[in-house]
Amino acid sequence: MSGKTSDRRRGLSKLAFVWQASCRVKNEHNVSRLKQFSNLVIIYICRQLGPTLYYEVGFWRPEWTLSRQFGFMNHSRYKKRVAQLNPVQYQKLSQHKLAEKAILQLLAIPTPEYLGFFHSEKGACDIGESLIDADSLQRFLMNLVGETVCFKPVEGYGGTGFVAARVVADSEGVGLHRLDCSEPESIEKFTDNHLKHPDGFVIERYLEQHKDMLEINASSVNTLRIWVRQIKGDVVVLGVLLRIGRAGAMVDNSGQGGLIANVDLESGMLERCRTTDVFPVYYNEHPDSGAPIKGRKLPHWSACLALAKRALLNFPMAGFAGLDMAIGKDGPQIIELNLWPDRVSARVFGKSHKEMLG
């Protein structure tokens, strides 16, 4: 397919989306297409903001005045603002999971236990022994029979490549039984099937989440995404949402079907959960487990906020982050920092980028 043909199809698809979305808003909210299209033209010409943002945020609602709409940033403006808050030369510290894990552990910030780094040339376990192939991985796992471990690509996004497995004894010594699979695999087969990322994998002890979080969805570790920013030496929590996995899914990312629920900052109470569609579907209970969502108070809430602030304050040259945090049996733990979090989160928090990032 030629580039021009591909561009034409994308353009037609976007037009179809706008037509269908505008029809829905007209019918459900009594906002004329003329008013919608006029607004779309203004935000595109003045701020280079597209129609997806318009419909996801709900710019037709009266609270979204034009001045507030102009507070949203397109990709280039957001990138520039994040670089002002987080110097570009330091951003890689959070984007590479091995470097990030080292910093978190050196600063004694609670985080899932590091076990090793699997890489075809540079791999090593936590005591320095080689961890470069199936044989060395087999030897390493011999002391972890009965434990659950997880493998995370050191360079990854959206949960892609994440694998969690229980170490089991077998005829060859040990095997790995993935949490989303009915049969265990030999170490050689597991390595061939799941550990081929060229940048390698961080190996961690699997975090056992708090029973309240387990009740919501047991197959995934359900994590908080917390936006925090330093302002004159103080750390301010800008917004928090809970990401919730679906039944059988190992990760809670929205890109893999997960749900989200906003969290009230004062009380730690969950609002309704929702899909991440442009026009989301809302639920008071988890659609698979039936667990109550709306009105549920998160455990260790004060500790969650305190840890989020401490992590940003201690991380080198970080003025803003979208933290991922899990709530374990004994309290919260940092899964990772994102020094360039997806700007889409602002739409969920009900605030513009300018209102949050200045």
Protein backbone atom coordinates (compact mmCIF):
# COMPACT_ATOMS: atom_id res chain seq x y z
CA MET A 1 0.00 0.00 0.00
CA SER A 2 1.43 3.41 -1.01
CA GLY A 3 1.93 6.16 1.54
CA LYS A 4 -0.65 8.38 -0.14
CA THR A 5 -3.26 5.60 -0.12
CA SER A 6 -2.57 4.88 3.54
CA ASP A 7 -2.85 8.58 4.44
CA ARG A 8 -6.11 8.85 2.50
CA ARG A 9 -7.60 5.90 4.37
CA ARG A 10 -6.58 7.35 7.72
CA GLY A 11 -8.13 10.65 6.73
CA LEU A 12 -11.41 9.00 5.74
CA SER A 13 -11.39 7.00 8.96
CA LYS A 14 -10.94 10.20 10.99
CA LEU A 15 -13.79 11.89 9.12
CA ALA A 16 -16.04 8.90 9.77
CA PHE A 17 -15.13 9.03 13.47
CA VAL A 18 -15.96 12.74 13.69
CA TRP A 19 -19.28 12.27 11.89
CA GLN A 20 -20.35 9.39 14.13
CA ALA A 21 -19.16 11.09 17.32
CA SER A 22 -20.85 14.37 16.46
CA CYS A 23 -24.10 12.52 15.79
CA ARG A 24 -23.93 10.89 19.21
CA VAL A 25 -23.23 14.18 21.01
CA LYS A 26 -26.06 15.87 19.10
CA ASN A 27 -28.54 13.16 20.05
CA GLU A 28 -27.45 12.60 23.65
CA HIS A 29 -26.44 16.13 24.71
CA ASN A 30 -28.40 18.34 22.33
CA VAL A 31 -25.30 20.09 20.98
CA SER A 32 -25.63 21.00 17.31
CA ARG A 33 -23.13 19.75 14.78
CA LEU A 34 -22.45 23.36 13.74
CA LYS A 35 -21.37 24.23 17.28
CA GLN A 36 -19.21 21.10 17.52
CA PHE A 37 -17.52 21.63 14.16
CA SER A 38 -16.89 25.32 14.88
CA ASN A 39 -15.19 24.39 18.14
CA LEU A 40 -13.13 21.69 16.40
CA VAL A 41 -11.88 24.18 13.82
CA ILE A 42 -10.93 26.74 16.48
CA ILE A 43 -8.91 24.36 18.67
CA TYR A 44 -7.14 22.92 15.64
CA ILE A 45 -6.19 26.28 14.11
CA CYS A 46 -5.22 27.92 17.40
CA ARG A 47 -3.69 24.99 19.33
CA GLN A 48 -3.29 22.11 16.84
CA LEU A 49 -5.57 19.91 18.95
CA GLY A 50 -7.46 17.11 17.23
CA PRO A 51 -11.01 15.75 17.35
CA THR A 52 -10.20 12.74 19.53
CA LEU A 53 -9.26 15.08 22.38
CA TYR A 54 -12.45 17.08 21.85
CA TYR A 55 -14.69 14.04 22.24
CA GLU A 56 -12.69 12.23 24.93
CA VAL A 57 -12.65 15.24 27.25
CA GLY A 58 -16.13 16.41 26.32
CA PHE A 59 -15.33 19.95 25.25
CA TRP A 60 -19.01 20.53 24.43
CA ARG A 61 -19.77 20.63 28.16
CA PRO A 62 -20.16 24.13 29.65
CA GLU A 63 -17.31 23.75 32.17
CA TRP A 64 -14.83 23.48 29.29
CA THR A 65 -14.56 27.13 28.33
CA LEU A 66 -12.40 27.97 25.34
CA SER A 67 -9.62 29.28 27.60
CA ARG A 68 -9.54 25.95 29.48
CA GLN A 69 -9.53 24.03 26.20
CA PHE A 70 -6.49 26.04 25.11
CA GLY A 71 -4.74 24.74 28.24
CA PHE A 72 -4.32 21.32 26.62
CA MET A 73 -1.04 20.70 24.80
CA ASN A 74 -0.35 18.85 21.58
CA HIS A 75 2.60 16.46 21.40
CA SER A 76 5.29 19.05 20.70
CA ARG A 77 4.12 21.49 23.38
CA TYR A 78 3.81 18.69 25.95
CA LYS A 79 7.29 17.40 25.08
CA LYS A 80 8.75 20.87 25.54
CA ARG A 81 7.03 21.39 28.90
CA VAL A 82 8.10 17.98 30.23
CA ALA A 83 11.69 18.73 29.19
CA GLN A 84 11.53 21.91 31.28
CA LEU A 85 10.38 19.91 34.31
CA ASN A 86 12.59 16.86 33.68
CA PRO A 87 15.89 17.57 31.87
CA VAL A 88 16.09 15.34 28.79
CA GLN A 89 19.49 13.90 29.72
CA TYR A 90 17.98 12.45 32.92
CA GLN A 91 14.74 11.06 31.49
CA LYS A 92 16.38 7.77 30.47
CA LEU A 93 16.96 6.94 34.12
CA SER A 94 13.29 6.07 34.45
CA GLN A 95 12.85 4.67 30.94
CA HIS A 96 15.45 1.92 31.43
CA LYS A 97 14.09 -0.44 34.09
CA LEU A 98 17.50 -1.70 35.23
CA ALA A 99 18.81 1.80 35.92
CA GLU A 100 15.53 2.78 37.54
CA LYS A 101 15.49 -0.30 39.77
CA ALA A 102 19.05 0.39 40.93
CA ILE A 103 18.20 3.97 41.91
CA LEU A 104 15.03 2.98 43.76
CA GLN A 105 16.82 0.29 45.77
CA LEU A 106 19.81 2.54 46.57
CA LEU A 107 17.40 5.16 47.91
CA ALA A 108 15.52 2.51 49.95
CA ILE A 109 12.27 3.32 48.17
CA PRO A 110 9.92 0.31 48.48
CA THR A 111 9.84 -1.57 45.17
CA PRO A 112 9.44 -5.23 44.16
CA GLU A 113 12.57 -7.22 44.98
CA TYR A 114 15.19 -7.29 42.22
CA LEU A 115 16.52 -10.76 41.40
CA GLY A 116 18.54 -10.39 38.22
CA PHE A 117 19.03 -9.12 34.69
CA PHE A 118 18.63 -11.60 31.83
CA HIS A 119 20.54 -10.64 28.68
CA SER A 120 22.32 -12.75 26.06
CA GLU A 121 25.65 -10.98 26.68
CA LYS A 122 25.45 -8.78 29.78
CA GLY A 123 23.07 -10.71 32.01
CA ALA A 124 23.82 -11.29 35.70
CA CYS A 125 21.87 -12.18 38.83
CA ASP A 126 21.81 -10.19 42.04
CA ILE A 127 25.01 -11.83 43.30
CA GLY A 128 26.87 -11.28 40.05
CA GLU A 129 26.68 -14.74 38.48
CA SER A 130 26.10 -14.98 34.72
CA LEU A 131 22.49 -14.95 33.49
CA ILE A 132 22.79 -15.11 29.71
CA ASP A 133 21.02 -18.25 28.46
CA ALA A 134 18.67 -21.10 29.35
CA ASP A 135 21.36 -23.05 31.23
CA SER A 136 22.36 -20.16 33.47
CA LEU A 137 18.70 -19.26 34.03
CA GLN A 138 18.03 -22.87 35.04
CA ARG A 139 20.81 -22.77 37.64
CA PHE A 140 19.60 -19.41 38.93
CA LEU A 141 16.01 -20.59 39.38
CA MET A 142 16.95 -23.77 41.26
CA ASN A 143 16.89 -21.79 44.52
CA LEU A 144 13.50 -20.26 43.75
CA VAL A 145 11.28 -23.34 43.44
CA GLY A 146 7.78 -22.49 44.63
CA GLU A 147 8.31 -18.75 44.12
CA THR A 148 6.61 -16.57 41.51
CA VAL A 149 8.87 -14.32 39.47
CA CYS A 150 8.23 -11.81 36.71
CA PHE A 151 10.23 -10.82 33.65
CA LYS A 152 10.00 -7.24 32.37
CA PRO A 153 11.66 -5.93 29.21
CA VAL A 154 14.07 -3.21 30.32
CA GLU A 155 12.80 -1.10 27.42
CA GLY A 156 9.05 -1.51 27.14
CA TYR A 157 5.68 0.20 27.23
CA GLY A 158 2.12 -0.71 28.10
CA GLY A 159 2.89 -4.09 29.65
CA THR A 160 4.11 -5.56 26.34
CA GLY A 161 6.49 -8.45 26.92
CA PHE A 162 5.69 -8.81 30.63
CA VAL A 163 5.58 -12.42 31.83
CA ALA A 164 4.90 -13.75 35.33
CA ALA A 165 5.54 -17.41 36.13
CA ARG A 166 5.84 -19.78 39.05
CA VAL A 167 9.08 -21.74 39.40
CA VAL A 168 8.23 -25.45 39.53
CA ALA A 169 10.31 -28.61 39.89
CA ASP A 170 10.42 -30.92 36.85
CA SER A 171 12.44 -33.82 35.46
CA GLU A 172 15.17 -31.47 34.23
CA GLY A 173 15.42 -29.60 37.52
CA VAL A 174 13.04 -26.66 37.24
CA GLY A 175 10.50 -25.26 34.81
CA LEU A 176 8.35 -22.14 34.62
CA HIS A 177 4.55 -22.19 34.82
CA ARG A 178 3.13 -18.95 33.44
CA LEU A 179 0.25 -17.55 35.45
CA ASP A 180 -1.87 -17.26 32.31
CA CYS A 181 -1.16 -20.78 31.03
CA SER A 182 -2.39 -24.22 32.07
CA GLU A 183 0.87 -26.10 31.45
CA PRO A 184 4.45 -25.41 32.61
CA GLU A 185 7.28 -24.92 30.13
CA SER A 186 10.87 -26.05 30.23
CA ILE A 187 13.39 -23.28 30.81
CA GLU A 188 14.71 -23.70 27.27
CA LYS A 189 11.24 -23.39 25.76
CA PHE A 190 10.35 -20.46 28.02
CA THR A 191 13.53 -18.65 27.02
CA ASP A 192 12.90 -19.23 23.31
CA ASN A 193 9.25 -18.15 23.53
CA HIS A 194 9.37 -15.19 25.90
CA LEU A 195 12.87 -13.82 26.51
CA LYS A 196 13.97 -12.64 23.08
CA HIS A 197 13.83 -8.89 23.64
CA PRO A 198 17.26 -7.60 22.48
CA ASP A 199 17.67 -5.24 25.44
CA GLY A 200 17.08 -7.95 28.03
CA PHE A 201 14.75 -8.42 30.99
CA VAL A 202 14.71 -7.37 34.61
CA ILE A 203 13.70 -10.29 36.84
CA GLU A 204 11.76 -9.46 40.00
CA ARG A 205 10.00 -11.34 42.74
CA TYR A 206 6.27 -11.16 41.94
CA LEU A 207 4.47 -8.68 44.17
CA GLU A 208 1.62 -10.15 46.20
CA GLN A 209 -1.00 -7.42 46.27
CA HIS A 210 -3.21 -6.45 49.19
CA LYS A 211 -6.30 -8.62 49.61
CA ASP A 212 -8.57 -5.66 48.81
CA MET A 213 -6.82 -5.20 45.46
CA LEU A 214 -6.85 -8.94 44.83
CA GLU A 215 -10.61 -8.95 45.29
CA ILE A 216 -11.06 -6.45 42.45
CA ASN A 217 -9.17 -8.58 39.90
CA ALA A 218 -6.92 -11.43 40.94
CA SER A 219 -5.08 -12.18 37.69
CA SER A 220 -3.34 -8.79 37.42
CA VAL A 221 -1.52 -6.55 39.87
CA ASN A 222 -3.85 -3.54 39.82
CA THR A 223 -1.75 -0.39 39.96
CA LEU A 224 -2.18 3.28 40.71
CA ARG A 225 -1.06 5.88 38.18
CA ILE A 226 -0.16 8.99 40.17
CA TRP A 227 0.82 12.30 38.60
CA VAL A 228 3.09 14.30 40.92
CA ARG A 229 4.96 17.56 40.44
CA GLN A 230 7.52 19.52 42.42
CA ILE A 231 6.56 23.13 43.05
CA LYS A 232 9.07 25.24 44.99
CA GLY A 233 10.49 22.25 46.84
CA ASP A 234 7.11 20.78 47.71
CA VAL A 235 5.55 17.79 45.92
CA VAL A 236 1.94 18.14 44.83
CA VAL A 237 -0.26 15.20 43.82
CA LEU A 238 -2.04 16.27 40.63
CA GLY A 239 -4.30 13.27 40.08
CA VAL A 240 -4.62 9.55 40.74
CA LEU A 241 -6.35 6.74 38.91
CA LEU A 242 -6.49 3.01 39.54
CA ARG A 243 -5.81 0.74 36.59
CA ILE A 244 -7.75 -2.50 36.78
CA GLY A 245 -7.14 -5.67 34.79
CA ARG A 246 -9.79 -7.90 33.26
CA ALA A 247 -10.33 -11.53 34.24
CA GLY A 248 -7.40 -13.68 33.12
CA ALA A 249 -5.21 -10.76 32.06
CA MET A 250 -1.75 -10.53 33.64
CA VAL A 251 -1.49 -6.76 33.18
CA ASP A 252 -3.85 -3.90 33.93
CA ASN A 253 -2.94 -1.62 31.03
CA SER A 254 -5.80 -0.03 29.13
CA GLY A 255 -4.12 -0.97 25.87
CA GLN A 256 -4.77 -4.60 26.79
CA GLY A 257 -8.40 -4.15 27.78
CA GLY A 258 -7.97 -2.81 31.29
CA LEU A 259 -10.33 -0.45 33.09
CA ILE A 260 -9.62 2.74 35.01
CA ALA A 261 -11.20 4.43 38.03
CA ASN A 262 -10.43 7.89 39.35
CA VAL A 263 -9.45 8.18 43.02
CA ASP A 264 -10.58 10.98 45.33
CA LEU A 265 -7.37 12.54 46.65
CA GLU A 266 -8.71 13.37 50.09
CA SER A 267 -10.44 10.11 50.98
CA GLY A 268 -8.80 7.50 48.74
CA MET A 269 -12.27 6.42 47.60
CA LEU A 270 -12.76 5.04 44.10
CA GLU A 271 -15.21 6.51 41.63
CA ARG A 272 -16.93 4.36 39.01
CA CYS A 273 -14.61 2.36 36.80
CA ARG A 274 -14.75 2.82 33.06
CA THR A 275 -13.41 1.61 29.77
CA THR A 276 -10.95 3.86 27.96
CA ASP A 277 -13.05 4.26 24.83
CA VAL A 278 -13.75 7.76 23.52
CA PHE A 279 -17.29 7.26 24.82
CA PRO A 280 -16.59 5.03 27.83
CA VAL A 281 -18.81 2.44 29.43
CA TYR A 282 -19.11 2.93 33.21
CA TYR A 283 -19.46 0.28 35.92
CA ASN A 284 -20.14 0.47 39.65
CA GLU A 285 -18.77 -3.06 40.00
CA HIS A 286 -16.03 -4.92 38.15
CA PRO A 287 -17.74 -6.41 35.08
CA ASP A 288 -15.96 -9.75 35.52
CA SER A 289 -15.47 -10.29 39.26
CA GLY A 290 -18.51 -8.34 40.43
CA ALA A 291 -16.38 -6.68 43.11
CA PRO A 292 -17.67 -3.26 44.20
CA ILE A 293 -15.66 -0.38 42.75
CA LYS A 294 -17.54 2.85 43.38
CA GLY A 295 -17.13 3.95 46.98
CA ARG A 296 -14.38 1.41 47.77
CA LYS A 297 -11.63 2.92 49.93
CA LEU A 298 -8.11 1.98 48.94
CA PRO A 299 -5.92 0.49 51.68
CA HIS A 300 -2.84 2.35 52.96
CA TRP A 301 -4.00 5.54 51.23
CA SER A 302 -1.95 7.99 53.31
CA ALA A 303 1.13 5.84 52.79
CA CYS A 304 0.48 5.80 49.02
CA LEU A 305 0.49 9.59 48.82
CA ALA A 306 3.56 9.88 51.05
CA LEU A 307 5.52 7.35 48.99
CA ALA A 308 4.59 9.05 45.71
CA LYS A 309 5.90 12.37 47.01
CA ARG A 310 9.07 10.83 48.39
CA ALA A 311 9.85 8.94 45.18
CA LEU A 312 9.66 12.09 43.06
CA LEU A 313 11.59 14.18 45.58
CA ASN A 314 14.43 11.64 45.76
CA PHE A 315 14.69 10.68 42.08
CA PRO A 316 17.54 12.55 40.33
CA MET A 317 16.51 15.77 38.58
CA ALA A 318 12.83 14.82 38.47
CA GLY A 319 10.29 17.63 38.68
CA PHE A 320 7.29 15.73 37.34
CA ALA A 321 6.34 12.07 36.97
CA GLY A 322 3.51 9.66 36.35
CA LEU A 323 4.26 7.02 38.99
CA ASP A 324 3.02 3.45 38.83
CA MET A 325 2.41 2.08 42.31
CA ALA A 326 1.06 -1.21 43.61
CA ILE A 327 -0.40 -1.79 47.06
CA GLY A 328 1.13 -4.88 48.62
CA LYS A 329 0.21 -6.77 51.76
CA ASP A 330 2.32 -4.48 53.92
CA GLY A 331 1.90 -1.22 52.03
CA PRO A 332 2.59 0.50 48.72
CA GLN A 333 5.55 -0.15 46.43
CA ILE A 334 6.79 1.78 43.41
CA ILE A 335 6.57 -0.26 40.21
CA GLU A 336 8.15 2.42 38.03
CA LEU A 337 8.44 6.13 37.45
CA ASN A 338 7.53 7.65 34.12
CA LEU A 339 9.30 10.96 33.60
CA TRP A 340 7.38 11.41 30.36
CA PRO A 341 3.95 9.94 31.15
CA ASP A 342 1.33 9.66 28.45
CA ARG A 343 -0.34 13.07 28.17
CA VAL A 344 -3.73 11.36 27.71
CA SER A 345 -3.98 10.90 31.50
CA ALA A 346 -4.80 14.59 31.85
CA ARG A 347 -8.08 13.97 30.06
CA VAL A 348 -9.06 11.46 32.75
CA PHE A 349 -8.18 13.83 35.60
CA GLY A 350 -10.54 16.49 34.28
CA LYS A 351 -7.83 19.15 34.15
CA SER A 352 -5.87 20.67 31.30
CA HIS A 353 -2.11 20.25 31.00
CA LYS A 354 -1.64 23.93 31.83
CA GLU A 355 -3.73 23.58 34.98
CA MET A 356 -1.50 20.74 36.15
CA LEU A 357 1.93 21.51 34.72
CA GLY A 358 1.86 25.29 34.59
